[in-house]
Amino acid sequence: MFLALVACAWLPLGPAPASAHGVGTCQIHLEVDRPSIGGRWEIHLTDARSAIGLDPRVTGEAGWRELRGREPELRAFLARQFSMTADDAPCPVTLTSTPMEWERGFGLEMFAQR
C-alpha cells in the first residue's frame, strides 16, 4: 500500500529538493544535503487508518484523534514500508520523534544519512 522506494543520487552542488507522490495516498518531500537527507512524509488520513486496520470511513477530527492514539503502531508500519538507497547502498531512514501534524492529512518528519 505505502510501499515506496526512493533512489537518490548524491548531488555535488549542495542541497536539492526531491519529492514523490502516490495518487491519492501520500507525498514525500526530501531535501538532499550531502551526506544527509531530511524530509516530510504526508499521508492521507483514510490511507493511514486503513494501513493499521482502522475504519477509513471515520474522517475529520474524530478520525485523527483515533489515529493519533495509535501513532506508535503507524510509525512502525511506515518504517517497514519505506527504504532509500544511494549509489546502490542502503540509507537507513528514521522517522523523527516530532509528533504527527494534522491538516487534511497528516505529516511525519524523516531523516536518513549515508
N, C-alpha and C. Protein backbone atom coordinates (compact mmCIF):
# COMPACT_ATOMS: atom_id res chain seq x y z
N MET A 1 0.82 -1.18 0.00
CA MET A 1 0.00 0.00 0.00
C MET A 1 0.87 1.25 0.00
N PHE A 2 1.69 1.39 1.01
CA PHE A 2 2.53 2.58 1.08
C PHE A 2 3.96 2.28 0.62
N LEU A 3 4.13 1.13 -0.02
CA LEU A 3 5.48 0.74 -0.40
C LEU A 3 6.08 1.80 -1.31
N ALA A 4 7.17 2.33 -0.88
CA ALA A 4 7.83 3.37 -1.65
C ALA A 4 9.32 3.09 -1.67
N LEU A 5 9.90 3.24 -2.80
CA LEU A 5 11.34 3.10 -2.90
C LEU A 5 11.85 4.36 -3.58
N VAL A 6 12.68 5.06 -2.90
CA VAL A 6 13.21 6.30 -3.45
C VAL A 6 14.70 6.10 -3.66
N ALA A 7 15.12 6.20 -4.89
CA ALA A 7 16.54 6.13 -5.19
C ALA A 7 17.03 7.55 -5.37
N CYS A 8 18.08 7.88 -4.68
CA CYS A 8 18.57 9.25 -4.77
C CYS A 8 20.05 9.25 -5.08
N ALA A 9 20.44 10.18 -5.83
CA ALA A 9 21.86 10.34 -6.17
C ALA A 9 22.42 11.48 -5.34
N TRP A 10 23.62 11.34 -4.89
CA TRP A 10 24.26 12.41 -4.12
C TRP A 10 24.67 13.49 -5.10
N LEU A 11 24.16 14.67 -4.89
CA LEU A 11 24.41 15.77 -5.80
C LEU A 11 25.63 16.56 -5.35
N PRO A 12 26.50 16.91 -6.27
CA PRO A 12 27.70 17.62 -5.90
C PRO A 12 27.49 19.09 -5.57
N LEU A 13 26.32 19.64 -5.85
CA LEU A 13 26.10 21.07 -5.69
C LEU A 13 25.15 21.40 -4.55
N GLY A 14 25.42 21.01 -3.35
CA GLY A 14 24.64 21.40 -2.19
C GLY A 14 23.23 20.85 -2.15
N PRO A 15 22.36 21.45 -1.29
CA PRO A 15 21.02 20.93 -1.10
C PRO A 15 20.19 20.97 -2.38
N ALA A 16 19.35 19.95 -2.53
CA ALA A 16 18.46 19.89 -3.68
C ALA A 16 17.17 19.22 -3.25
N PRO A 17 16.01 19.75 -3.65
CA PRO A 17 14.73 19.15 -3.28
C PRO A 17 14.40 17.96 -4.17
N ALA A 18 13.63 17.05 -3.62
CA ALA A 18 13.10 15.91 -4.37
C ALA A 18 11.75 15.58 -3.76
N SER A 19 10.84 15.02 -4.55
CA SER A 19 9.56 14.60 -3.99
C SER A 19 9.00 13.44 -4.79
N ALA A 20 8.11 12.70 -4.14
CA ALA A 20 7.42 11.58 -4.78
C ALA A 20 5.97 11.64 -4.36
N HIS A 21 5.08 11.19 -5.23
CA HIS A 21 3.66 11.28 -4.93
C HIS A 21 2.96 10.05 -5.46
N GLY A 22 2.24 9.37 -4.59
CA GLY A 22 1.38 8.27 -4.99
C GLY A 22 -0.03 8.83 -5.10
N VAL A 23 -0.71 8.60 -6.20
CA VAL A 23 -2.01 9.20 -6.46
C VAL A 23 -2.97 8.90 -5.31
N GLY A 24 -3.42 9.96 -4.64
CA GLY A 24 -4.39 9.83 -3.57
C GLY A 24 -3.86 9.24 -2.28
N THR A 25 -2.59 8.96 -2.17
CA THR A 25 -2.12 8.30 -0.97
C THR A 25 -1.15 9.14 -0.16
N CYS A 26 -0.06 9.56 -0.75
CA CYS A 26 0.93 10.27 0.05
C CYS A 26 1.85 11.11 -0.84
N GLN A 27 2.57 11.99 -0.16
CA GLN A 27 3.63 12.77 -0.80
C GLN A 27 4.84 12.70 0.09
N ILE A 28 5.99 12.58 -0.53
CA ILE A 28 7.25 12.57 0.19
C ILE A 28 8.09 13.72 -0.34
N HIS A 29 8.48 14.62 0.56
CA HIS A 29 9.31 15.76 0.20
C HIS A 29 10.67 15.55 0.84
N LEU A 30 11.72 15.56 0.03
CA LEU A 30 13.06 15.33 0.54
C LEU A 30 13.97 16.51 0.23
N GLU A 31 14.90 16.75 1.12
CA GLU A 31 15.94 17.76 0.92
C GLU A 31 17.27 17.04 1.07
N VAL A 32 18.00 16.93 -0.03
CA VAL A 32 19.29 16.24 -0.02
C VAL A 32 20.37 17.27 0.30
N ASP A 33 21.07 17.04 1.38
CA ASP A 33 22.16 17.92 1.80
C ASP A 33 23.31 17.02 2.22
N ARG A 34 24.06 16.65 1.26
CA ARG A 34 25.13 15.67 1.38
C ARG A 34 25.84 15.71 2.71
N PRO A 35 25.96 14.67 3.48
CA PRO A 35 25.57 13.28 3.24
C PRO A 35 24.23 12.91 3.87
N SER A 36 23.40 13.88 4.23
CA SER A 36 22.14 13.55 4.88
C SER A 36 20.94 13.95 4.02
N ILE A 37 19.81 13.37 4.35
CA ILE A 37 18.56 13.64 3.66
C ILE A 37 17.51 13.88 4.73
N GLY A 38 16.82 14.99 4.65
CA GLY A 38 15.72 15.26 5.56
C GLY A 38 14.45 15.38 4.77
N GLY A 39 13.33 15.23 5.42
CA GLY A 39 12.11 15.37 4.65
C GLY A 39 10.86 15.21 5.47
N ARG A 40 9.76 15.17 4.75
CA ARG A 40 8.44 15.07 5.35
C ARG A 40 7.61 14.11 4.51
N TRP A 41 6.91 13.23 5.19
CA TRP A 41 6.04 12.24 4.55
C TRP A 41 4.61 12.62 4.88
N GLU A 42 3.83 13.01 3.89
CA GLU A 42 2.44 13.42 4.09
C GLU A 42 1.53 12.31 3.57
N ILE A 43 0.64 11.85 4.43
CA ILE A 43 -0.20 10.70 4.12
C ILE A 43 -1.66 11.07 4.36
N HIS A 44 -2.52 10.67 3.46
CA HIS A 44 -3.95 10.93 3.61
C HIS A 44 -4.49 10.13 4.80
N LEU A 45 -5.36 10.75 5.55
CA LEU A 45 -5.91 10.15 6.76
C LEU A 45 -6.53 8.77 6.51
N THR A 46 -7.34 8.66 5.47
CA THR A 46 -8.00 7.37 5.22
C THR A 46 -7.00 6.27 4.89
N ASP A 47 -5.93 6.60 4.19
CA ASP A 47 -4.91 5.61 3.86
C ASP A 47 -4.16 5.16 5.12
N ALA A 48 -3.83 6.11 5.98
CA ALA A 48 -3.13 5.77 7.22
C ALA A 48 -4.01 4.90 8.11
N ARG A 49 -5.27 5.24 8.20
CA ARG A 49 -6.19 4.45 9.02
C ARG A 49 -6.31 3.03 8.47
N SER A 50 -6.45 2.90 7.17
CA SER A 50 -6.55 1.56 6.56
C SER A 50 -5.29 0.74 6.81
N ALA A 51 -4.15 1.38 6.76
CA ALA A 51 -2.87 0.67 6.90
C ALA A 51 -2.74 -0.05 8.23
N ILE A 52 -3.36 0.49 9.27
CA ILE A 52 -3.24 -0.16 10.58
C ILE A 52 -4.57 -0.75 11.06
N GLY A 53 -5.49 -0.96 10.12
CA GLY A 53 -6.71 -1.67 10.43
C GLY A 53 -7.83 -0.86 11.05
N LEU A 54 -7.76 0.46 10.97
CA LEU A 54 -8.85 1.30 11.44
C LEU A 54 -9.84 1.56 10.31
N ASP A 55 -11.07 1.87 10.66
CA ASP A 55 -12.11 2.14 9.68
C ASP A 55 -11.76 3.42 8.91
N PRO A 56 -11.52 3.32 7.59
CA PRO A 56 -11.14 4.50 6.81
C PRO A 56 -12.29 5.49 6.62
N ARG A 57 -13.52 5.08 6.95
CA ARG A 57 -14.67 5.97 6.78
C ARG A 57 -14.77 7.00 7.91
N VAL A 58 -14.02 6.78 9.00
CA VAL A 58 -14.03 7.76 10.10
C VAL A 58 -13.02 8.83 9.71
N THR A 59 -13.51 10.02 9.43
CA THR A 59 -12.66 11.09 8.92
C THR A 59 -12.68 12.29 9.85
N GLY A 60 -12.03 13.34 9.43
CA GLY A 60 -12.03 14.58 10.18
C GLY A 60 -11.34 14.45 11.53
N GLU A 61 -11.74 15.30 12.45
CA GLU A 61 -11.11 15.36 13.76
C GLU A 61 -11.23 14.04 14.53
N ALA A 62 -12.38 13.37 14.43
CA ALA A 62 -12.56 12.09 15.13
C ALA A 62 -11.60 11.03 14.59
N GLY A 63 -11.46 10.98 13.28
CA GLY A 63 -10.54 10.03 12.67
C GLY A 63 -9.10 10.31 13.05
N TRP A 64 -8.75 11.59 13.12
CA TRP A 64 -7.40 11.99 13.50
C TRP A 64 -7.10 11.61 14.95
N ARG A 65 -8.03 11.89 15.86
CA ARG A 65 -7.80 11.58 17.28
C ARG A 65 -7.55 10.10 17.49
N GLU A 66 -8.34 9.26 16.84
CA GLU A 66 -8.15 7.81 16.98
C GLU A 66 -6.80 7.38 16.40
N LEU A 67 -6.45 7.93 15.25
CA LEU A 67 -5.16 7.60 14.64
C LEU A 67 -4.01 8.06 15.52
N ARG A 68 -4.13 9.24 16.06
CA ARG A 68 -3.08 9.80 16.93
C ARG A 68 -2.83 8.88 18.12
N GLY A 69 -3.86 8.25 18.64
CA GLY A 69 -3.72 7.31 19.74
C GLY A 69 -2.98 6.04 19.35
N ARG A 70 -2.87 5.79 18.05
CA ARG A 70 -2.17 4.60 17.57
C ARG A 70 -0.91 4.98 16.79
N GLU A 71 -0.37 6.16 17.08
CA GLU A 71 0.80 6.66 16.37
C GLU A 71 1.99 5.69 16.40
N PRO A 72 2.33 5.06 17.53
CA PRO A 72 3.47 4.13 17.51
C PRO A 72 3.28 2.98 16.53
N GLU A 73 2.07 2.46 16.45
CA GLU A 73 1.78 1.38 15.52
C GLU A 73 1.91 1.85 14.06
N LEU A 74 1.41 3.04 13.78
CA LEU A 74 1.52 3.58 12.42
C LEU A 74 2.97 3.84 12.06
N ARG A 75 3.74 4.42 12.97
CA ARG A 75 5.16 4.68 12.72
C ARG A 75 5.90 3.38 12.41
N ALA A 76 5.62 2.33 13.17
CA ALA A 76 6.28 1.04 12.93
C ALA A 76 5.91 0.50 11.55
N PHE A 77 4.64 0.61 11.17
CA PHE A 77 4.21 0.15 9.86
C PHE A 77 4.93 0.92 8.75
N LEU A 78 4.94 2.25 8.87
CA LEU A 78 5.56 3.07 7.82
C LEU A 78 7.07 2.82 7.73
N ALA A 79 7.72 2.65 8.86
CA ALA A 79 9.16 2.39 8.85
C ALA A 79 9.48 1.09 8.10
N ARG A 80 8.59 0.11 8.17
CA ARG A 80 8.81 -1.16 7.45
C ARG A 80 8.56 -1.00 5.95
N GLN A 81 7.80 0.02 5.55
CA GLN A 81 7.39 0.17 4.15
C GLN A 81 8.28 1.06 3.31
N PHE A 82 9.19 1.77 3.92
CA PHE A 82 9.96 2.78 3.19
C PHE A 82 11.45 2.49 3.28
N SER A 83 12.12 2.60 2.16
CA SER A 83 13.57 2.46 2.15
C SER A 83 14.17 3.41 1.13
N MET A 84 15.41 3.75 1.34
CA MET A 84 16.13 4.62 0.40
C MET A 84 17.50 4.03 0.16
N THR A 85 18.01 4.30 -1.04
CA THR A 85 19.37 3.90 -1.39
C THR A 85 20.07 5.07 -2.08
N ALA A 86 21.38 5.04 -2.01
CA ALA A 86 22.21 6.00 -2.73
C ALA A 86 23.44 5.25 -3.21
N ASP A 87 23.75 5.38 -4.47
CA ASP A 87 24.89 4.67 -5.05
C ASP A 87 24.81 3.18 -4.72
N ASP A 88 23.61 2.61 -4.83
CA ASP A 88 23.35 1.19 -4.58
C ASP A 88 23.61 0.75 -3.15
N ALA A 89 23.75 1.68 -2.22
CA ALA A 89 23.94 1.35 -0.81
C ALA A 89 22.71 1.82 -0.02
N PRO A 90 22.28 1.04 0.96
CA PRO A 90 21.12 1.46 1.75
C PRO A 90 21.40 2.70 2.58
N CYS A 91 20.39 3.53 2.72
CA CYS A 91 20.43 4.72 3.58
C CYS A 91 19.37 4.49 4.66
N PRO A 92 19.76 4.11 5.86
CA PRO A 92 18.76 3.88 6.90
C PRO A 92 17.90 5.12 7.13
N VAL A 93 16.61 4.92 7.20
CA VAL A 93 15.65 6.01 7.37
C VAL A 93 15.11 5.97 8.78
N THR A 94 15.03 7.13 9.41
CA THR A 94 14.46 7.26 10.75
C THR A 94 13.30 8.24 10.69
N LEU A 95 12.16 7.84 11.22
CA LEU A 95 11.07 8.79 11.40
C LEU A 95 11.38 9.51 12.70
N THR A 96 11.53 10.81 12.63
CA THR A 96 11.93 11.57 13.81
C THR A 96 10.84 11.49 14.88
N SER A 97 11.18 11.90 16.09
CA SER A 97 10.22 11.85 17.19
C SER A 97 9.25 13.04 17.16
N THR A 98 9.40 13.92 16.19
CA THR A 98 8.46 15.03 16.06
C THR A 98 7.04 14.48 15.93
N PRO A 99 6.10 14.95 16.75
CA PRO A 99 4.74 14.41 16.68
C PRO A 99 4.11 14.62 15.31
N MET A 100 3.20 13.72 14.96
CA MET A 100 2.46 13.86 13.72
C MET A 100 1.68 15.16 13.77
N GLU A 101 1.50 15.78 12.61
CA GLU A 101 0.72 17.01 12.50
C GLU A 101 -0.50 16.75 11.63
N TRP A 102 -1.60 17.38 11.94
CA TRP A 102 -2.85 17.16 11.23
C TRP A 102 -3.26 18.39 10.43
N GLU A 103 -3.62 18.16 9.17
CA GLU A 103 -4.32 19.15 8.35
C GLU A 103 -5.44 18.37 7.70
N ARG A 104 -5.45 18.21 6.38
CA ARG A 104 -6.42 17.31 5.74
C ARG A 104 -5.89 15.90 5.80
N GLY A 105 -4.61 15.77 5.84
CA GLY A 105 -3.93 14.51 6.05
C GLY A 105 -3.01 14.74 7.22
N PHE A 106 -1.95 14.01 7.31
CA PHE A 106 -1.01 14.29 8.38
C PHE A 106 0.39 14.09 7.85
N GLY A 107 1.36 14.59 8.59
CA GLY A 107 2.73 14.51 8.14
C GLY A 107 3.66 14.01 9.23
N LEU A 108 4.70 13.31 8.82
CA LEU A 108 5.76 12.82 9.69
C LEU A 108 7.08 13.33 9.15
N GLU A 109 7.96 13.75 10.04
CA GLU A 109 9.30 14.17 9.65
C GLU A 109 10.19 12.93 9.55
N MET A 110 11.15 12.95 8.62
CA MET A 110 12.05 11.81 8.44
C MET A 110 13.47 12.29 8.20
N PHE A 111 14.43 11.39 8.41
CA PHE A 111 15.84 11.70 8.25
C PHE A 111 16.58 10.45 7.82
N ALA A 112 17.54 10.60 6.92
CA ALA A 112 18.39 9.49 6.51
C ALA A 112 19.80 10.01 6.35
N GLN A 113 20.76 9.15 6.59
CA GLN A 113 22.14 9.53 6.39
C GLN A 113 22.91 8.33 5.88
N ARG A 114 23.80 8.60 4.95
CA ARG A 114 24.60 7.53 4.35
C ARG A 114 25.91 7.44 5.05
